[in-house]
Structures are given as C-alpha cells and as structure tokens.
Amino acid sequence: MRIEKHPILKFEKKEEIFFTFEGERVQGYQGDTIASALHALGIKTLSFSIKRHRPRGFYCAIGNCASCNMIVNGTPNVRTCITMLEKDMVVERQQDKGVVR
C-alpha cells in the first residue's frame, strides 16, 4: 500500500520504526504518521462510530475530524493522522468515546 515508484517524485528509504498495533508488532518508517503507517500496512479501519459502531478510517487527514481517533500509549482520542509515529508506541483501535477499560 506504500508508493515506491513514481514518474516524478523520489521516495528515499527511511529508518524502520517498530510499534505495537492491537498486540502485534508491526513496522512503519521515520516520517510516517500513525495513520499513514497503518494504511501502508493495509489497515484501513482506525476506529468505530459511537452509535452504530461502523468502521472509520482516513477522512480529513488534517486533524479536524475524529475518524482517526485511537488509543496511543494508553491515551484515548489521539488524532493519528497528525501524530508522528514513534518507536515502541502501543496503538489500539478505539470504541465508544475512548474510555479506557
């Protein structure tokens, strides 16, 4: 899911960053946001709507909506589209209003 070849742009290889998503060790790259790293891994459902529990993914990608809210290192309601990926982060999908149980 990651663009590697483009007729005009060049994509330099960045340092790999390992983090945990839903209990599984996965990788992204330096410069990724959490949401872009997950999207590149083929993970498109980031959270679920509060009332009907429908899947949510990228929507605005600039931090204005709540579609990408996830629990990061135990903190709910983190906007993962604008939060940079860091080594050893623990990321979980969010249900409801982000109440950590």
PDB file of N, CA and C in Angstrom:
ATOM      1  N   MET A   1       0.809  -1.202   0.000  1.00  0.00           N
ATOM      2  CA  MET A   1       0.000   0.000   0.000  1.00  0.00           C
ATOM      3  C   MET A   1       0.849   1.263   0.000  1.00  0.00           C
ATOM      4  N   ARG A   2       2.152   1.138   0.005  1.00  0.00           N
ATOM      5  CA  ARG A   2       3.031   2.305   0.040  1.00  0.00           C
ATOM      6  C   ARG A   2       3.546   2.574  -1.377  1.00  0.00           C
ATOM      7  N   ILE A   3       3.512   3.825  -1.805  1.00  0.00           N
ATOM      8  CA  ILE A   3       4.041   4.191  -3.115  1.00  0.00           C
ATOM      9  C   ILE A   3       5.561   4.117  -3.061  1.00  0.00           C
ATOM     10  N   GLU A   4       6.130   3.341  -3.971  1.00  0.00           N
ATOM     11  CA  GLU A   4       7.586   3.218  -4.000  1.00  0.00           C
ATOM     12  C   GLU A   4       8.200   3.764  -5.276  1.00  0.00           C
ATOM     13  N   LYS A   5       7.421   3.748  -6.364  1.00  0.00           N
ATOM     14  CA  LYS A   5       7.915   4.283  -7.634  1.00  0.00           C
ATOM     15  C   LYS A   5       6.920   5.305  -8.148  1.00  0.00           C
ATOM     16  N   HIS A   6       7.461   6.408  -8.640  1.00  0.00           N
ATOM     17  CA  HIS A   6       6.628   7.489  -9.154  1.00  0.00           C
ATOM     18  C   HIS A   6       7.394   8.124 -10.311  1.00  0.00           C
ATOM     19  N   PRO A   7       6.709   8.549 -11.372  1.00  0.00           N
ATOM     20  CA  PRO A   7       7.429   9.094 -12.524  1.00  0.00           C
ATOM     21  C   PRO A   7       8.139  10.425 -12.257  1.00  0.00           C
ATOM     22  N   ILE A   8       7.725  11.167 -11.240  1.00  0.00           N
ATOM     23  CA  ILE A   8       8.318  12.476 -10.970  1.00  0.00           C
ATOM     24  C   ILE A   8       8.995  12.527  -9.601  1.00  0.00           C
ATOM     25  N   LEU A   9       8.323  12.018  -8.592  1.00  0.00           N
ATOM     26  CA  LEU A   9       8.822  12.100  -7.218  1.00  0.00           C
ATOM     27  C   LEU A   9       9.768  10.948  -6.892  1.00  0.00           C
ATOM     28  N   LYS A  10      10.697  11.212  -5.978  1.00  0.00           N
ATOM     29  CA  LYS A  10      11.587  10.171  -5.497  1.00  0.00           C
ATOM     30  C   LYS A  10      11.296   9.949  -4.023  1.00  0.00           C
ATOM     31  N   PHE A  11      11.257   8.688  -3.633  1.00  0.00           N
ATOM     32  CA  PHE A  11      10.999   8.329  -2.245  1.00  0.00           C
ATOM     33  C   PHE A  11      12.234   7.647  -1.681  1.00  0.00           C
ATOM     34  N   GLU A  12      12.899   8.352  -0.773  1.00  0.00           N
ATOM     35  CA  GLU A  12      14.077   7.781  -0.142  1.00  0.00           C
ATOM     36  C   GLU A  12      13.642   6.800   0.930  1.00  0.00           C
ATOM     37  N   LYS A  13      14.413   5.733   1.095  1.00  0.00           N
ATOM     38  CA  LYS A  13      14.134   4.793   2.171  1.00  0.00           C
ATOM     39  C   LYS A  13      14.446   5.461   3.500  1.00  0.00           C
ATOM     40  N   LYS A  14      13.535   5.323   4.432  1.00  0.00           N
ATOM     41  CA  LYS A  14      13.695   5.910   5.766  1.00  0.00           C
ATOM     42  C   LYS A  14      13.968   4.790   6.766  1.00  0.00           C
ATOM     43  N   GLU A  15      14.342   5.193   7.955  1.00  0.00           N
ATOM     44  CA  GLU A  15      14.609   4.229   9.023  1.00  0.00           C
ATOM     45  C   GLU A  15      13.318   3.524   9.435  1.00  0.00           C
ATOM     46  N   GLU A  16      13.390   2.203   9.611  1.00  0.00           N
ATOM     47  CA  GLU A  16      12.237   1.449  10.076  1.00  0.00           C
ATOM     48  C   GLU A  16      11.974   1.750  11.547  1.00  0.00           C
ATOM     49  N   ILE A  17      10.683   1.839  11.877  1.00  0.00           N
ATOM     50  CA  ILE A  17      10.270   2.049  13.253  1.00  0.00           C
ATOM     51  C   ILE A  17       9.285   0.927  13.590  1.00  0.00           C
ATOM     52  N   PHE A  18       9.545   0.217  14.669  1.00  0.00           N
ATOM     53  CA  PHE A  18       8.644  -0.848  15.091  1.00  0.00           C
ATOM     54  C   PHE A  18       7.745  -0.343  16.208  1.00  0.00           C
ATOM     55  N   PHE A  19       6.466  -0.738  16.134  1.00  0.00           N
ATOM     56  CA  PHE A  19       5.485  -0.356  17.138  1.00  0.00           C
ATOM     57  C   PHE A  19       4.474  -1.486  17.275  1.00  0.00           C
ATOM     58  N   THR A  20       3.592  -1.381  18.259  1.00  0.00           N
ATOM     59  CA  THR A  20       2.604  -2.432  18.502  1.00  0.00           C
ATOM     60  C   THR A  20       1.225  -1.923  18.121  1.00  0.00           C
ATOM     61  N   PHE A  21       0.524  -2.708  17.304  1.00  0.00           N
ATOM     62  CA  PHE A  21      -0.849  -2.394  16.929  1.00  0.00           C
ATOM     63  C   PHE A  21      -1.722  -3.589  17.291  1.00  0.00           C
ATOM     64  N   GLU A  22      -2.682  -3.358  18.182  1.00  0.00           N
ATOM     65  CA  GLU A  22      -3.608  -4.407  18.611  1.00  0.00           C
ATOM     66  C   GLU A  22      -2.855  -5.660  19.067  1.00  0.00           C
ATOM     67  N   GLY A  23      -1.749  -5.473  19.772  1.00  0.00           N
ATOM     68  CA  GLY A  23      -0.981  -6.581  20.325  1.00  0.00           C
ATOM     69  C   GLY A  23       0.027  -7.220  19.385  1.00  0.00           C
ATOM     70  N   GLU A  24       0.114  -6.737  18.154  1.00  0.00           N
ATOM     71  CA  GLU A  24       1.036  -7.299  17.168  1.00  0.00           C
ATOM     72  C   GLU A  24       2.142  -6.300  16.840  1.00  0.00           C
ATOM     73  N   ARG A  25       3.367  -6.787  16.763  1.00  0.00           N
ATOM     74  CA  ARG A  25       4.500  -5.918  16.410  1.00  0.00           C
ATOM     75  C   ARG A  25       4.491  -5.676  14.902  1.00  0.00           C
ATOM     76  N   VAL A  26       4.458  -4.417  14.511  1.00  0.00           N
ATOM     77  CA  VAL A  26       4.414  -4.032  13.098  1.00  0.00           C
ATOM     78  C   VAL A  26       5.438  -2.931  12.855  1.00  0.00           C
ATOM     79  N   GLN A  27       5.600  -2.556  11.595  1.00  0.00           N
ATOM     80  CA  GLN A  27       6.605  -1.549  11.276  1.00  0.00           C
ATOM     81  C   GLN A  27       6.046  -0.415  10.445  1.00  0.00           C
ATOM     82  N   GLY A  28       6.649   0.729  10.638  1.00  0.00           N
ATOM     83  CA  GLY A  28       6.415   1.903   9.818  1.00  0.00           C
ATOM     84  C   GLY A  28       7.771   2.493   9.515  1.00  0.00           C
ATOM     85  N   TYR A  29       7.790   3.734   9.073  1.00  0.00           N
ATOM     86  CA  TYR A  29       9.056   4.384   8.737  1.00  0.00           C
ATOM     87  C   TYR A  29       9.111   5.775   9.354  1.00  0.00           C
ATOM     88  N   GLN A  30      10.303   6.217   9.610  1.00  0.00           N
ATOM     89  CA  GLN A  30      10.508   7.558  10.132  1.00  0.00           C
ATOM     90  C   GLN A  30       9.806   8.549   9.208  1.00  0.00           C
ATOM     91  N   GLY A  31       9.083   9.481   9.786  1.00  0.00           N
ATOM     92  CA  GLY A  31       8.341  10.464   8.993  1.00  0.00           C
ATOM     93  C   GLY A  31       6.887  10.089   8.766  1.00  0.00           C
ATOM     94  N   ASP A  32       6.500   8.844   9.096  1.00  0.00           N
ATOM     95  CA  ASP A  32       5.103   8.426   8.986  1.00  0.00           C
ATOM     96  C   ASP A  32       4.293   8.998  10.139  1.00  0.00           C
ATOM     97  N   THR A  33       3.033   9.273   9.887  1.00  0.00           N
ATOM     98  CA  THR A  33       2.106   9.439  10.992  1.00  0.00           C
ATOM     99  C   THR A  33       1.641   8.037  11.371  1.00  0.00           C
ATOM    100  N   ILE A  34       1.000   7.902  12.507  1.00  0.00           N
ATOM    101  CA  ILE A  34       0.491   6.589  12.903  1.00  0.00           C
ATOM    102  C   ILE A  34      -0.482   6.074  11.851  1.00  0.00           C
ATOM    103  N   ALA A  35      -1.412   6.926  11.437  1.00  0.00           N
ATOM    104  CA  ALA A  35      -2.431   6.514  10.466  1.00  0.00           C
ATOM    105  C   ALA A  35      -1.824   6.143   9.119  1.00  0.00           C
ATOM    106  N   SER A  36      -0.826   6.884   8.656  1.00  0.00           N
ATOM    107  CA  SER A  36      -0.234   6.549   7.352  1.00  0.00           C
ATOM    108  C   SER A  36       0.540   5.235   7.419  1.00  0.00           C
ATOM    109  N   ALA A  37       1.184   4.961   8.556  1.00  0.00           N
ATOM    110  CA  ALA A  37       1.891   3.688   8.720  1.00  0.00           C
ATOM    111  C   ALA A  37       0.890   2.530   8.696  1.00  0.00           C
ATOM    112  N   LEU A  38      -0.227   2.685   9.394  1.00  0.00           N
ATOM    113  CA  LEU A  38      -1.248   1.636   9.400  1.00  0.00           C
ATOM    114  C   LEU A  38      -1.854   1.457   8.015  1.00  0.00           C
ATOM    115  N   HIS A  39      -2.125   2.548   7.329  1.00  0.00           N
ATOM    116  CA  HIS A  39      -2.684   2.465   5.981  1.00  0.00           C
ATOM    117  C   HIS A  39      -1.729   1.728   5.042  1.00  0.00           C
ATOM    118  N   ALA A  40      -0.439   2.006   5.155  1.00  0.00           N
ATOM    119  CA  ALA A  40       0.557   1.328   4.323  1.00  0.00           C
ATOM    120  C   ALA A  40       0.598  -0.170   4.608  1.00  0.00           C
ATOM    121  N   LEU A  41       0.221  -0.561   5.817  1.00  0.00           N
ATOM    122  CA  LEU A  41       0.159  -1.979   6.188  1.00  0.00           C
ATOM    123  C   LEU A  41      -1.161  -2.628   5.758  1.00  0.00           C
ATOM    124  N   GLY A  42      -2.039  -1.840   5.136  1.00  0.00           N
ATOM    125  CA  GLY A  42      -3.329  -2.361   4.689  1.00  0.00           C
ATOM    126  C   GLY A  42      -4.420  -2.270   5.747  1.00  0.00           C
ATOM    127  N   ILE A  43      -4.138  -1.601   6.854  1.00  0.00           N
ATOM    128  CA  ILE A  43      -5.111  -1.439   7.936  1.00  0.00           C
ATOM    129  C   ILE A  43      -5.852  -0.133   7.699  1.00  0.00           C
ATOM    130  N   LYS A  44      -7.097  -0.236   7.311  1.00  0.00           N
ATOM    131  CA  LYS A  44      -7.859   0.958   6.945  1.00  0.00           C
ATOM    132  C   LYS A  44      -8.912   1.346   7.969  1.00  0.00           C
ATOM    133  N   THR A  45      -9.290   0.441   8.862  1.00  0.00           N
ATOM    134  CA  THR A  45     -10.241   0.770   9.919  1.00  0.00           C
ATOM    135  C   THR A  45      -9.459   1.224  11.134  1.00  0.00           C
ATOM    136  N   LEU A  46      -9.631   2.499  11.496  1.00  0.00           N
ATOM    137  CA  LEU A  46      -8.891   3.073  12.606  1.00  0.00           C
ATOM    138  C   LEU A  46      -9.726   3.163  13.871  1.00  0.00           C
ATOM    139  N   SER A  47     -11.025   3.343  13.732  1.00  0.00           N
ATOM    140  CA  SER A  47     -11.917   3.419  14.888  1.00  0.00           C
ATOM    141  C   SER A  47     -13.315   3.038  14.421  1.00  0.00           C
ATOM    142  N   PHE A  48     -14.279   3.194  15.336  1.00  0.00           N
ATOM    143  CA  PHE A  48     -15.661   2.860  15.013  1.00  0.00           C
ATOM    144  C   PHE A  48     -16.564   3.990  15.492  1.00  0.00           C
ATOM    145  N   SER A  49     -17.657   4.223  14.756  1.00  0.00           N
ATOM    146  CA  SER A  49     -18.578   5.292  15.147  1.00  0.00           C
ATOM    147  C   SER A  49     -19.215   4.951  16.489  1.00  0.00           C
ATOM    148  N   ILE A  50     -19.573   6.003  17.222  1.00  0.00           N
ATOM    149  CA  ILE A  50     -20.050   5.830  18.593  1.00  0.00           C
ATOM    150  C   ILE A  50     -21.404   5.108  18.643  1.00  0.00           C
ATOM    151  N   LYS A  51     -22.365   5.541  17.852  1.00  0.00           N
ATOM    152  CA  LYS A  51     -23.713   4.964  17.945  1.00  0.00           C
ATOM    153  C   LYS A  51     -23.859   3.635  17.217  1.00  0.00           C
ATOM    154  N   ARG A  52     -23.414   3.577  15.995  1.00  0.00           N
ATOM    155  CA  ARG A  52     -23.675   2.381  15.182  1.00  0.00           C
ATOM    156  C   ARG A  52     -22.459   1.474  15.020  1.00  0.00           C
ATOM    157  N   HIS A  53     -21.350   1.869  15.581  1.00  0.00           N
ATOM    158  CA  HIS A  53     -20.114   1.066  15.556  1.00  0.00           C
ATOM    159  C   HIS A  53     -19.661   0.722  14.133  1.00  0.00           C
ATOM    160  N   ARG A  54     -19.888   1.662  13.218  1.00  0.00           N
ATOM    161  CA  ARG A  54     -19.430   1.478  11.841  1.00  0.00           C
ATOM    162  C   ARG A  54     -17.945   1.822  11.747  1.00  0.00           C
ATOM    163  N   PRO A  55     -17.209   1.145  10.881  1.00  0.00           N
ATOM    164  CA  PRO A  55     -15.771   1.414  10.770  1.00  0.00           C
ATOM    165  C   PRO A  55     -15.484   2.811  10.247  1.00  0.00           C
ATOM    166  N   ARG A  56     -14.430   3.401  10.797  1.00  0.00           N
ATOM    167  CA  ARG A  56     -13.955   4.717  10.349  1.00  0.00           C
ATOM    168  C   ARG A  56     -12.493   4.595   9.952  1.00  0.00           C
ATOM    169  N   GLY A  57     -12.113   5.379   8.956  1.00  0.00           N
ATOM    170  CA  GLY A  57     -10.727   5.398   8.501  1.00  0.00           C
ATOM    171  C   GLY A  57     -10.310   6.828   8.234  1.00  0.00           C
ATOM    172  N   PHE A  58      -9.359   6.993   7.316  1.00  0.00           N
ATOM    173  CA  PHE A  58      -8.946   8.337   6.933  1.00  0.00           C
ATOM    174  C   PHE A  58     -10.151   9.106   6.404  1.00  0.00           C
ATOM    175  N   TYR A  59     -10.303  10.336   6.837  1.00  0.00           N
ATOM    176  CA  TYR A  59     -11.349  11.188   6.276  1.00  0.00           C
ATOM    177  C   TYR A  59     -10.726  12.518   5.894  1.00  0.00           C
ATOM    178  N   CYS A  60     -10.382  13.337   6.861  1.00  0.00           N
ATOM    179  CA  CYS A  60      -9.837  14.653   6.516  1.00  0.00           C
ATOM    180  C   CYS A  60      -8.311  14.630   6.414  1.00  0.00           C
ATOM    181  N   ALA A  61      -7.658  13.792   7.207  1.00  0.00           N
ATOM    182  CA  ALA A  61      -6.193  13.651   7.233  1.00  0.00           C
ATOM    183  C   ALA A  61      -5.461  14.941   7.627  1.00  0.00           C
ATOM    184  N   ILE A  62      -6.176  15.874   8.293  1.00  0.00           N
ATOM    185  CA  ILE A  62      -5.532  17.100   8.788  1.00  0.00           C
ATOM    186  C   ILE A  62      -5.887  17.393  10.245  1.00  0.00           C
ATOM    187  N   GLY A  63      -6.482  16.418  10.928  1.00  0.00           N
ATOM    188  CA  GLY A  63      -6.766  16.566  12.350  1.00  0.00           C
ATOM    189  C   GLY A  63      -8.042  17.299  12.700  1.00  0.00           C
ATOM    190  N   ASN A  64      -8.924  17.566  11.725  1.00  0.00           N
ATOM    191  CA  ASN A  64     -10.162  18.297  12.011  1.00  0.00           C
ATOM    192  C   ASN A  64     -11.322  17.408  12.427  1.00  0.00           C
ATOM    193  N   CYS A  65     -11.342  16.169  11.988  1.00  0.00           N
ATOM    194  CA  CYS A  65     -12.447  15.280  12.334  1.00  0.00           C
ATOM    195  C   CYS A  65     -11.968  14.292  13.398  1.00  0.00           C
ATOM    196  N   ALA A  66     -12.804  13.352  13.748  1.00  0.00           N
ATOM    197  CA  ALA A  66     -12.422  12.369  14.774  1.00  0.00           C
ATOM    198  C   ALA A  66     -12.352  10.954  14.213  1.00  0.00           C
ATOM    199  N   SER A  67     -12.331  10.815  12.904  1.00  0.00           N
ATOM    200  CA  SER A  67     -12.366   9.489  12.299  1.00  0.00           C
ATOM    201  C   SER A  67     -11.140   8.647  12.588  1.00  0.00           C
ATOM    202  N   CYS A  68     -10.025   9.270  12.878  1.00  0.00           N
ATOM    203  CA  CYS A  68      -8.789   8.525  13.106  1.00  0.00           C
ATOM    204  C   CYS A  68      -8.422   8.432  14.579  1.00  0.00           C
ATOM    205  N   ASN A  69      -9.336   8.817  15.474  1.00  0.00           N
ATOM    206  CA  ASN A  69      -9.025   8.757  16.902  1.00  0.00           C
ATOM    207  C   ASN A  69      -8.721   7.325  17.313  1.00  0.00           C
ATOM    208  N   MET A  70      -7.606   7.160  18.028  1.00  0.00           N
ATOM    209  CA  MET A  70      -7.202   5.855  18.523  1.00  0.00           C
ATOM    210  C   MET A  70      -6.618   6.022  19.919  1.00  0.00           C
ATOM    211  N   ILE A  71      -6.411   4.895  20.582  1.00  0.00           N
ATOM    212  CA  ILE A  71      -5.762   4.904  21.887  1.00  0.00           C
ATOM    213  C   ILE A  71      -4.274   4.679  21.647  1.00  0.00           C
ATOM    214  N   VAL A  72      -3.439   5.630  22.064  1.00  0.00           N
ATOM    215  CA  VAL A  72      -1.993   5.555  21.842  1.00  0.00           C
ATOM    216  C   VAL A  72      -1.293   5.633  23.196  1.00  0.00           C
ATOM    217  N   ASN A  73      -0.539   4.603  23.491  1.00  0.00           N
ATOM    218  CA  ASN A  73       0.168   4.511  24.779  1.00  0.00           C
ATOM    219  C   ASN A  73      -0.780   4.744  25.950  1.00  0.00           C
ATOM    220  N   GLY A  74      -2.013   4.212  25.824  1.00  0.00           N
ATOM    221  CA  GLY A  74      -2.995   4.317  26.900  1.00  0.00           C
ATOM    222  C   GLY A  74      -3.804   5.594  26.910  1.00  0.00           C
ATOM    223  N   THR A  75      -3.513   6.534  26.019  1.00  0.00           N
ATOM    224  CA  THR A  75      -4.234   7.805  25.954  1.00  0.00           C
ATOM    225  C   THR A  75      -5.283   7.744  24.842  1.00  0.00           C
ATOM    226  N   PRO A  76      -6.573   7.906  25.177  1.00  0.00           N
ATOM    227  CA  PRO A  76      -7.617   7.870  24.152  1.00  0.00           C
ATOM    228  C   PRO A  76      -7.698   9.175  23.367  1.00  0.00           C
ATOM    229  N   ASN A  77      -8.404   9.114  22.255  1.00  0.00           N
ATOM    230  CA  ASN A  77      -8.723  10.276  21.416  1.00  0.00           C
ATOM    231  C   ASN A  77      -7.500  10.956  20.809  1.00  0.00           C
ATOM    232  N   VAL A  78      -6.500  10.171  20.462  1.00  0.00           N
ATOM    233  CA  VAL A  78      -5.320  10.707  19.782  1.00  0.00           C
ATOM    234  C   VAL A  78      -5.621  10.737  18.292  1.00  0.00           C
ATOM    235  N   ARG A  79      -5.442  11.874  17.675  1.00  0.00           N
ATOM    236  CA  ARG A  79      -5.685  12.019  16.229  1.00  0.00           C
ATOM    237  C   ARG A  79      -4.469  11.479  15.482  1.00  0.00           C
ATOM    238  N   THR A  80      -4.593  10.263  15.020  1.00  0.00           N
ATOM    239  CA  THR A  80      -3.434   9.554  14.461  1.00  0.00           C
ATOM    240  C   THR A  80      -3.024  10.038  13.081  1.00  0.00           C
ATOM    241  N   CYS A  81      -3.854  10.830  12.433  1.00  0.00           N
ATOM    242  CA  CYS A  81      -3.476  11.347  11.117  1.00  0.00           C
ATOM    243  C   CYS A  81      -2.438  12.463  11.225  1.00  0.00           C
ATOM    244  N   ILE A  82      -2.310  13.065  12.424  1.00  0.00           N
ATOM    245  CA  ILE A  82      -1.341  14.152  12.597  1.00  0.00           C
ATOM    246  C   ILE A  82      -0.310  13.839  13.684  1.00  0.00           C
ATOM    247  N   THR A  83      -0.383  12.638  14.263  1.00  0.00           N
ATOM    248  CA  THR A  83       0.555  12.241  15.308  1.00  0.00           C
ATOM    249  C   THR A  83       1.657  11.391  14.689  1.00  0.00           C
ATOM    250  N   MET A  84       2.883  11.853  14.854  1.00  0.00           N
ATOM    251  CA  MET A  84       4.016  11.157  14.250  1.00  0.00           C
ATOM    252  C   MET A  84       4.270   9.827  14.955  1.00  0.00           C
ATOM    253  N   LEU A  85       4.618   8.849  14.163  1.00  0.00           N
ATOM    254  CA  LEU A  85       4.951   7.525  14.673  1.00  0.00           C
ATOM    255  C   LEU A  85       6.255   7.585  15.448  1.00  0.00           C
ATOM    256  N   GLU A  86       6.283   6.910  16.583  1.00  0.00           N
ATOM    257  CA  GLU A  86       7.491   6.817  17.394  1.00  0.00           C
ATOM    258  C   GLU A  86       7.766   5.359  17.726  1.00  0.00           C
ATOM    259  N   LYS A  87       9.019   5.078  17.963  1.00  0.00           N
ATOM    260  CA  LYS A  87       9.454   3.725  18.288  1.00  0.00           C
ATOM    261  C   LYS A  87       8.707   3.212  19.519  1.00  0.00           C
ATOM    262  N   ASP A  88       8.269   1.972  19.439  1.00  0.00           N
ATOM    263  CA  ASP A  88       7.641   1.234  20.542  1.00  0.00           C
ATOM    264  C   ASP A  88       6.310   1.795  21.019  1.00  0.00           C
ATOM    265  N   MET A  89       5.632   2.593  20.205  1.00  0.00           N
ATOM    266  CA  MET A  89       4.282   3.048  20.559  1.00  0.00           C
ATOM    267  C   MET A  89       3.355   1.845  20.652  1.00  0.00           C
ATOM    268  N   VAL A  90       2.335   1.966  21.478  1.00  0.00           N
ATOM    269  CA  VAL A  90       1.291   0.955  21.574  1.00  0.00           C
ATOM    270  C   VAL A  90       0.006   1.610  21.088  1.00  0.00           C
ATOM    271  N   VAL A  91      -0.538   1.093  19.989  1.00  0.00           N
ATOM    272  CA  VAL A  91      -1.691   1.693  19.319  1.00  0.00           C
ATOM    273  C   VAL A  91      -2.836   0.683  19.299  1.00  0.00           C
ATOM    274  N   GLU A  92      -4.031   1.166  19.675  1.00  0.00           N
ATOM    275  CA  GLU A  92      -5.207   0.307  19.683  1.00  0.00           C
ATOM    276  C   GLU A  92      -6.388   1.042  19.059  1.00  0.00           C
ATOM    277  N   ARG A  93      -7.262   0.270  18.413  1.00  0.00           N
ATOM    278  CA  ARG A  93      -8.481   0.869  17.900  1.00  0.00           C
ATOM    279  C   ARG A  93      -9.340   1.331  19.066  1.00  0.00           C
ATOM    280  N   GLN A  94     -10.130   2.357  18.804  1.00  0.00           N
ATOM    281  CA  GLN A  94     -10.947   2.962  19.843  1.00  0.00           C
ATOM    282  C   GLN A  94     -12.418   2.662  19.598  1.00  0.00           C
ATOM    283  N   GLN A  95     -13.103   2.275  20.627  1.00  0.00           N
ATOM    284  CA  GLN A  95     -14.555   2.069  20.587  1.00  0.00           C
ATOM    285  C   GLN A  95     -15.177   3.139  21.474  1.00  0.00           C
ATOM    286  N   ASP A  96     -16.432   3.382  21.312  1.00  0.00           N
ATOM    287  CA  ASP A  96     -17.164   4.337  22.144  1.00  0.00           C
ATOM    288  C   ASP A  96     -16.498   5.713  22.100  1.00  0.00           C
ATOM    289  N   LYS A  97     -16.368   6.364  23.256  1.00  0.00           N
ATOM    290  CA  LYS A  97     -15.788   7.696  23.321  1.00  0.00           C
ATOM    291  C   LYS A  97     -14.336   7.650  23.801  1.00  0.00           C
ATOM    292  N   GLY A  98     -13.727   6.503  23.693  1.00  0.00           N
ATOM    293  CA  GLY A  98     -12.326   6.385  24.071  1.00  0.00           C
ATOM    294  C   GLY A  98     -12.109   6.062  25.532  1.00  0.00           C
ATOM    295  N   VAL A  99     -13.147   5.551  26.178  1.00  0.00           N
ATOM    296  CA  VAL A  99     -12.997   5.197  27.580  1.00  0.00           C
ATOM    297  C   VAL A  99     -12.087   3.993  27.683  1.00  0.00           C
ATOM    298  N   VAL A 100     -11.008   4.150  28.411  1.00  0.00           N
ATOM    299  CA  VAL A 100     -10.061   3.054  28.594  1.00  0.00           C
ATOM    300  C   VAL A 100     -10.577   2.180  29.719  1.00  0.00           C
ATOM    301  N   ARG A 101     -10.714   0.894  29.441  1.00  0.00           N
ATOM    302  CA  ARG A 101     -11.257  -0.041  30.444  1.00  0.00           C
ATOM    303  C   ARG A 101     -10.176  -0.873  31.042  1.00  0.00           C
TER     304      ARG A 101
END
